[in-house]
């Protein structure tokens, strides 16, 4: 039976995100507070990186085409110079006047711009989903940057995400607090990212 390559990308991201949330809950309950904190912070970093990988794969699959979206739209290869999936990134880089590196895939604006340059057929779905104003991707990135770099500026942006209370630096345990929806903060982000990914693949 024919299966869209988009289904594989969706399943891979969903399974990884759900596993990370399970790990996160286990880590923050660790009796060793310091060890649990470090493990929890690493899980947040890994969720951010998983989202960036999904966005990269979304653009590659869209540009290569030869498949259907989850909504049934049949995609053809977006540019004649793309002969395989491996060609997409090298071709994309040639479409920037000065840039010689890949886009920051975690940034919705850069993903959408990449899709525009590659002329993907499903750009409207990709742009509408990744550009959603309620996406937690920016909050996740700001918090991830603090845990990765530990600078005053990254701490300020992490606190501005609105998920931390108190005068201290952003503590990962607070992301295990329950929201009005019944899940934890991190679980709500996971659910929202899965919903955005599903919409982007339509």
C-alpha atoms as a PDB file:
ATOM      1  CA  UNK A   1       0.000   0.000   0.000  1.00  0.00           C
ATOM      2  CA  UNK A   2       1.297   3.473  -0.943  1.00  0.00           C
ATOM      3  CA  UNK A   3       2.440   5.557   2.013  1.00  0.00           C
ATOM      4  CA  UNK A   4       3.382   9.237   2.025  1.00  0.00           C
ATOM      5  CA  UNK A   5       6.897  10.020   3.223  1.00  0.00           C
ATOM      6  CA  UNK A   6       5.203  12.740   5.284  1.00  0.00           C
ATOM      7  CA  UNK A   7       3.649  10.012   7.444  1.00  0.00           C
ATOM      8  CA  UNK A   8       7.103   8.714   8.361  1.00  0.00           C
ATOM      9  CA  UNK A   9       8.324  12.200   9.302  1.00  0.00           C
ATOM     10  CA  UNK A  10       5.224  12.792  11.428  1.00  0.00           C
ATOM     11  CA  UNK A  11       5.498   9.465  13.208  1.00  0.00           C
ATOM     12  CA  UNK A  12       9.204   9.937  13.942  1.00  0.00           C
ATOM     13  CA  UNK A  13       8.738  13.382  15.468  1.00  0.00           C
ATOM     14  CA  UNK A  14       5.673  12.348  17.466  1.00  0.00           C
ATOM     15  CA  UNK A  15       7.350   9.296  18.981  1.00  0.00           C
ATOM     16  CA  UNK A  16      10.503  11.221  19.862  1.00  0.00           C
ATOM     17  CA  UNK A  17       8.603  14.130  21.420  1.00  0.00           C
ATOM     18  CA  UNK A  18       6.381  11.844  23.481  1.00  0.00           C
ATOM     19  CA  UNK A  19       9.356   9.816  24.693  1.00  0.00           C
ATOM     20  CA  UNK A  20      11.185  12.973  25.728  1.00  0.00           C
ATOM     21  CA  UNK A  21       8.200  14.145  27.777  1.00  0.00           C
ATOM     22  CA  UNK A  22       8.062  10.804  29.569  1.00  0.00           C
ATOM     23  CA  UNK A  23      11.783  11.026  30.269  1.00  0.00           C
ATOM     24  CA  UNK A  24      11.400  14.605  31.501  1.00  0.00           C
ATOM     25  CA  UNK A  25       8.772  13.673  34.088  1.00  0.00           C
ATOM     26  CA  UNK A  26      10.988  10.857  35.331  1.00  0.00           C
ATOM     27  CA  UNK A  27      14.112  13.045  35.520  1.00  0.00           C
ATOM     28  CA  UNK A  28      12.538  15.880  37.483  1.00  0.00           C
ATOM     29  CA  UNK A  29      11.289  13.390  40.079  1.00  0.00           C
ATOM     30  CA  UNK A  30      14.860  12.214  40.609  1.00  0.00           C
ATOM     31  CA  UNK A  31      15.842  12.147  44.283  1.00  0.00           C
ATOM     32  CA  UNK A  32      19.176  13.675  43.324  1.00  0.00           C
ATOM     33  CA  UNK A  33      18.009  17.253  42.701  1.00  0.00           C
ATOM     34  CA  UNK A  34      21.112  18.320  40.811  1.00  0.00           C
ATOM     35  CA  UNK A  35      21.205  15.246  38.596  1.00  0.00           C
ATOM     36  CA  UNK A  36      17.484  15.578  37.873  1.00  0.00           C
ATOM     37  CA  UNK A  37      17.931  19.238  36.945  1.00  0.00           C
ATOM     38  CA  UNK A  38      20.718  18.526  34.466  1.00  0.00           C
ATOM     39  CA  UNK A  39      18.830  15.621  32.904  1.00  0.00           C
ATOM     40  CA  UNK A  40      15.663  17.705  32.645  1.00  0.00           C
ATOM     41  CA  UNK A  41      17.517  20.581  31.001  1.00  0.00           C
ATOM     42  CA  UNK A  42      19.065  18.211  28.472  1.00  0.00           C
ATOM     43  CA  UNK A  43      15.610  16.864  27.652  1.00  0.00           C
ATOM     44  CA  UNK A  44      14.385  20.395  26.862  1.00  0.00           C
ATOM     45  CA  UNK A  45      17.401  20.884  24.590  1.00  0.00           C
ATOM     46  CA  UNK A  46      16.683  17.590  22.844  1.00  0.00           C
ATOM     47  CA  UNK A  47      13.021  18.497  22.262  1.00  0.00           C
ATOM     48  CA  UNK A  48      14.112  21.764  20.665  1.00  0.00           C
ATOM     49  CA  UNK A  49      16.600  19.932  18.445  1.00  0.00           C
ATOM     50  CA  UNK A  50      13.974  17.353  17.497  1.00  0.00           C
ATOM     51  CA  UNK A  51      11.669  20.143  16.336  1.00  0.00           C
ATOM     52  CA  UNK A  52      14.456  21.709  14.265  1.00  0.00           C
ATOM     53  CA  UNK A  53      15.147  18.337  12.601  1.00  0.00           C
ATOM     54  CA  UNK A  54      11.464  17.925  11.797  1.00  0.00           C
ATOM     55  CA  UNK A  55      11.308  21.382  10.186  1.00  0.00           C
ATOM     56  CA  UNK A  56      14.381  20.572   8.086  1.00  0.00           C
ATOM     57  CA  UNK A  57      12.862  17.287   6.964  1.00  0.00           C
ATOM     58  CA  UNK A  58       9.576  19.019   6.174  1.00  0.00           C
ATOM     59  CA  UNK A  59      11.281  21.357   3.700  1.00  0.00           C
ATOM     60  CA  UNK A  60      13.423  18.602   2.164  1.00  0.00           C
ATOM     61  CA  UNK A  61      10.449  16.291   1.588  1.00  0.00           C
ATOM     62  CA  UNK A  62       8.360  19.148   0.240  1.00  0.00           C
ATOM     63  CA  UNK A  63      11.045  20.240  -2.221  1.00  0.00           C
ATOM     64  CA  UNK A  64      11.876  16.728  -3.409  1.00  0.00           C
ATOM     65  CA  UNK A  65       8.197  15.893  -3.827  1.00  0.00           C
ATOM     66  CA  UNK A  66       7.274  12.576  -5.438  1.00  0.00           C
ATOM     67  CA  UNK A  67       4.863  11.967  -2.588  1.00  0.00           C
ATOM     68  CA  UNK A  68       1.568  13.222  -1.183  1.00  0.00           C
ATOM     69  CA  UNK A  69       0.855  15.414   1.807  1.00  0.00           C
ATOM     70  CA  UNK A  70      -1.268  14.100   4.654  1.00  0.00           C
ATOM     71  CA  UNK A  71      -4.150  16.006   3.083  1.00  0.00           C
ATOM     72  CA  UNK A  72      -3.717  14.177  -0.221  1.00  0.00           C
ATOM     73  CA  UNK A  73      -1.986  16.888  -2.280  1.00  0.00           C
ATOM     74  CA  UNK A  74       0.385  15.260  -4.751  1.00  0.00           C
ATOM     75  CA  UNK A  75       3.754  16.973  -4.752  1.00  0.00           C
ATOM     76  CA  UNK A  76       6.209  17.022  -7.611  1.00  0.00           C
ATOM     77  CA  UNK A  77       9.859  18.064  -7.390  1.00  0.00           C
ATOM     78  CA  UNK A  78       9.933  21.832  -6.926  1.00  0.00           C
ATOM     79  CA  UNK A  79      13.039  22.662  -8.996  1.00  0.00           C
ATOM     80  CA  UNK A  80      14.626  20.861 -11.975  1.00  0.00           C
ATOM     81  CA  UNK A  81      18.055  20.897 -10.308  1.00  0.00           C
ATOM     82  CA  UNK A  82      16.756  18.670  -7.487  1.00  0.00           C
ATOM     83  CA  UNK A  83      17.280  15.041  -8.513  1.00  0.00           C
ATOM     84  CA  UNK A  84      17.310  13.471  -5.042  1.00  0.00           C
ATOM     85  CA  UNK A  85      16.609  14.386  -1.433  1.00  0.00           C
ATOM     86  CA  UNK A  86      20.338  14.875  -0.942  1.00  0.00           C
ATOM     87  CA  UNK A  87      20.261  17.669  -3.530  1.00  0.00           C
ATOM     88  CA  UNK A  88      17.771  19.860  -1.675  1.00  0.00           C
ATOM     89  CA  UNK A  89      20.107  21.512   0.847  1.00  0.00           C
ATOM     90  CA  UNK A  90      22.970  22.186  -1.626  1.00  0.00           C
ATOM     91  CA  UNK A  91      20.467  23.659  -4.091  1.00  0.00           C
ATOM     92  CA  UNK A  92      18.884  25.761  -1.345  1.00  0.00           C
ATOM     93  CA  UNK A  93      22.222  27.246  -0.301  1.00  0.00           C
ATOM     94  CA  UNK A  94      22.867  28.396  -3.887  1.00  0.00           C
ATOM     95  CA  UNK A  95      19.612  30.367  -3.753  1.00  0.00           C
ATOM     96  CA  UNK A  96      20.958  32.755  -1.107  1.00  0.00           C
ATOM     97  CA  UNK A  97      23.049  35.679  -2.395  1.00  0.00           C
ATOM     98  CA  UNK A  98      25.592  35.515   0.446  1.00  0.00           C
ATOM     99  CA  UNK A  99      24.604  32.724   2.839  1.00  0.00           C
ATOM    100  CA  UNK A 100      26.793  29.601   2.733  1.00  0.00           C
ATOM    101  CA  UNK A 101      25.216  27.649   5.559  1.00  0.00           C
ATOM    102  CA  UNK A 102      21.844  26.021   6.173  1.00  0.00           C
ATOM    103  CA  UNK A 103      19.016  28.086   7.641  1.00  0.00           C
ATOM    104  CA  UNK A 104      18.289  27.980  11.354  1.00  0.00           C
ATOM    105  CA  UNK A 105      15.589  25.356  11.017  1.00  0.00           C
ATOM    106  CA  UNK A 106      14.122  26.060  14.450  1.00  0.00           C
ATOM    107  CA  UNK A 107      13.175  29.584  13.260  1.00  0.00           C
ATOM    108  CA  UNK A 108       9.804  29.565  11.506  1.00  0.00           C
ATOM    109  CA  UNK A 109      10.674  32.622   9.397  1.00  0.00           C
ATOM    110  CA  UNK A 110      13.795  30.934   8.022  1.00  0.00           C
ATOM    111  CA  UNK A 111      11.927  27.690   7.281  1.00  0.00           C
ATOM    112  CA  UNK A 112       9.208  29.566   5.426  1.00  0.00           C
ATOM    113  CA  UNK A 113      11.815  31.590   3.539  1.00  0.00           C
ATOM    114  CA  UNK A 114      13.573  28.365   2.525  1.00  0.00           C
ATOM    115  CA  UNK A 115      10.289  26.977   1.247  1.00  0.00           C
ATOM    116  CA  UNK A 116       9.715  30.140  -0.779  1.00  0.00           C
ATOM    117  CA  UNK A 117      13.179  29.971  -2.339  1.00  0.00           C
ATOM    118  CA  UNK A 118      12.696  26.306  -3.218  1.00  0.00           C
ATOM    119  CA  UNK A 119       9.184  27.031  -4.555  1.00  0.00           C
ATOM    120  CA  UNK A 120       7.557  24.159  -2.701  1.00  0.00           C
ATOM    121  CA  UNK A 121       3.978  23.494  -3.785  1.00  0.00           C
ATOM    122  CA  UNK A 122       2.631  23.195  -0.246  1.00  0.00           C
ATOM    123  CA  UNK A 123       4.055  26.532   0.913  1.00  0.00           C
ATOM    124  CA  UNK A 124       0.682  27.878   2.039  1.00  0.00           C
ATOM    125  CA  UNK A 125       0.178  24.986   4.494  1.00  0.00           C
ATOM    126  CA  UNK A 126       3.767  25.134   5.725  1.00  0.00           C
ATOM    127  CA  UNK A 127       3.702  28.906   6.217  1.00  0.00           C
ATOM    128  CA  UNK A 128       0.319  28.944   7.960  1.00  0.00           C
ATOM    129  CA  UNK A 129       1.329  26.181  10.388  1.00  0.00           C
ATOM    130  CA  UNK A 130       4.889  27.199  11.241  1.00  0.00           C
ATOM    131  CA  UNK A 131       3.949  30.869  11.415  1.00  0.00           C
ATOM    132  CA  UNK A 132       1.100  30.312  13.892  1.00  0.00           C
ATOM    133  CA  UNK A 133       1.125  33.028  16.553  1.00  0.00           C
ATOM    134  CA  UNK A 134       0.429  30.524  19.352  1.00  0.00           C
ATOM    135  CA  UNK A 135       3.388  28.280  18.495  1.00  0.00           C
ATOM    136  CA  UNK A 136       5.535  27.383  21.526  1.00  0.00           C
ATOM    137  CA  UNK A 137       8.638  27.063  19.318  1.00  0.00           C
ATOM    138  CA  UNK A 138      10.036  30.500  20.226  1.00  0.00           C
ATOM    139  CA  UNK A 139       9.493  29.942  23.959  1.00  0.00           C
ATOM    140  CA  UNK A 140      11.135  26.547  23.702  1.00  0.00           C
ATOM    141  CA  UNK A 141      14.100  28.051  21.846  1.00  0.00           C
ATOM    142  CA  UNK A 142      14.634  30.830  24.393  1.00  0.00           C
ATOM    143  CA  UNK A 143      14.561  28.401  27.299  1.00  0.00           C
ATOM    144  CA  UNK A 144      16.789  25.949  25.441  1.00  0.00           C
ATOM    145  CA  UNK A 145      19.323  28.719  24.790  1.00  0.00           C
ATOM    146  CA  UNK A 146      19.578  29.503  28.495  1.00  0.00           C
ATOM    147  CA  UNK A 147      20.198  25.876  29.428  1.00  0.00           C
ATOM    148  CA  UNK A 148      22.767  25.576  26.626  1.00  0.00           C
ATOM    149  CA  UNK A 149      24.655  28.855  27.168  1.00  0.00           C
ATOM    150  CA  UNK A 150      23.939  30.180  30.709  1.00  0.00           C
ATOM    151  CA  UNK A 151      24.263  33.868  29.897  1.00  0.00           C
ATOM    152  CA  UNK A 152      22.492  36.843  31.405  1.00  0.00           C
ATOM    153  CA  UNK A 153      20.813  37.692  28.102  1.00  0.00           C
ATOM    154  CA  UNK A 154      19.571  34.131  27.540  1.00  0.00           C
ATOM    155  CA  UNK A 155      18.244  34.031  31.112  1.00  0.00           C
ATOM    156  CA  UNK A 156      16.282  37.240  30.514  1.00  0.00           C
ATOM    157  CA  UNK A 157      14.687  35.878  27.331  1.00  0.00           C
ATOM    158  CA  UNK A 158      13.887  32.565  29.007  1.00  0.00           C
ATOM    159  CA  UNK A 159      12.095  34.329  31.868  1.00  0.00           C
ATOM    160  CA  UNK A 160      10.175  36.453  29.338  1.00  0.00           C
ATOM    161  CA  UNK A 161       8.731  33.212  27.961  1.00  0.00           C
ATOM    162  CA  UNK A 162       6.370  33.452  30.947  1.00  0.00           C
ATOM    163  CA  UNK A 163       6.758  29.959  32.352  1.00  0.00           C
ATOM    164  CA  UNK A 164       8.911  30.724  35.368  1.00  0.00           C
ATOM    165  CA  UNK A 165       8.157  32.368  38.688  1.00  0.00           C
ATOM    166  CA  UNK A 166      10.357  33.788  41.395  1.00  0.00           C
ATOM    167  CA  UNK A 167      13.576  35.828  41.306  1.00  0.00           C
ATOM    168  CA  UNK A 168      15.888  32.925  40.512  1.00  0.00           C
ATOM    169  CA  UNK A 169      17.176  31.791  37.139  1.00  0.00           C
ATOM    170  CA  UNK A 170      14.785  29.636  35.063  1.00  0.00           C
ATOM    171  CA  UNK A 171      14.491  26.311  36.876  1.00  0.00           C
ATOM    172  CA  UNK A 172      13.628  23.370  34.682  1.00  0.00           C
ATOM    173  CA  UNK A 173      11.390  21.824  37.374  1.00  0.00           C
ATOM    174  CA  UNK A 174       8.831  24.572  36.775  1.00  0.00           C
ATOM    175  CA  UNK A 175       8.203  23.149  33.297  1.00  0.00           C
ATOM    176  CA  UNK A 176       6.692  20.150  35.069  1.00  0.00           C
ATOM    177  CA  UNK A 177       3.960  22.324  36.584  1.00  0.00           C
ATOM    178  CA  UNK A 178       0.413  21.559  35.487  1.00  0.00           C
ATOM    179  CA  UNK A 179      -1.407  23.914  33.131  1.00  0.00           C
ATOM    180  CA  UNK A 180      -5.138  24.670  32.990  1.00  0.00           C
ATOM    181  CA  UNK A 181      -5.405  22.003  30.296  1.00  0.00           C
ATOM    182  CA  UNK A 182      -4.436  19.266  32.759  1.00  0.00           C
ATOM    183  CA  UNK A 183      -0.982  18.466  31.397  1.00  0.00           C
ATOM    184  CA  UNK A 184       2.408  19.874  32.306  1.00  0.00           C
ATOM    185  CA  UNK A 185       3.975  22.865  30.562  1.00  0.00           C
ATOM    186  CA  UNK A 186       6.330  20.654  28.561  1.00  0.00           C
ATOM    187  CA  UNK A 187       3.525  18.264  27.641  1.00  0.00           C
ATOM    188  CA  UNK A 188       1.415  21.166  26.387  1.00  0.00           C
ATOM    189  CA  UNK A 189       4.306  22.339  24.217  1.00  0.00           C
ATOM    190  CA  UNK A 190       4.728  18.822  22.863  1.00  0.00           C
ATOM    191  CA  UNK A 191       1.033  18.593  22.006  1.00  0.00           C
ATOM    192  CA  UNK A 192       1.060  22.004  20.334  1.00  0.00           C
ATOM    193  CA  UNK A 193       4.155  21.167  18.276  1.00  0.00           C
ATOM    194  CA  UNK A 194       2.584  17.894  17.128  1.00  0.00           C
ATOM    195  CA  UNK A 195      -0.549  19.796  16.107  1.00  0.00           C
ATOM    196  CA  UNK A 196       1.544  22.340  14.181  1.00  0.00           C
ATOM    197  CA  UNK A 197       3.545  19.563  12.510  1.00  0.00           C
ATOM    198  CA  UNK A 198       0.326  17.832  11.464  1.00  0.00           C
ATOM    199  CA  UNK A 199      -1.020  21.064   9.972  1.00  0.00           C
ATOM    200  CA  UNK A 200       2.248  21.737   8.135  1.00  0.00           C
ATOM    201  CA  UNK A 201       2.101  18.303   6.506  1.00  0.00           C
ATOM    202  CA  UNK A 202      -1.434  18.705   5.155  1.00  0.00           C
END
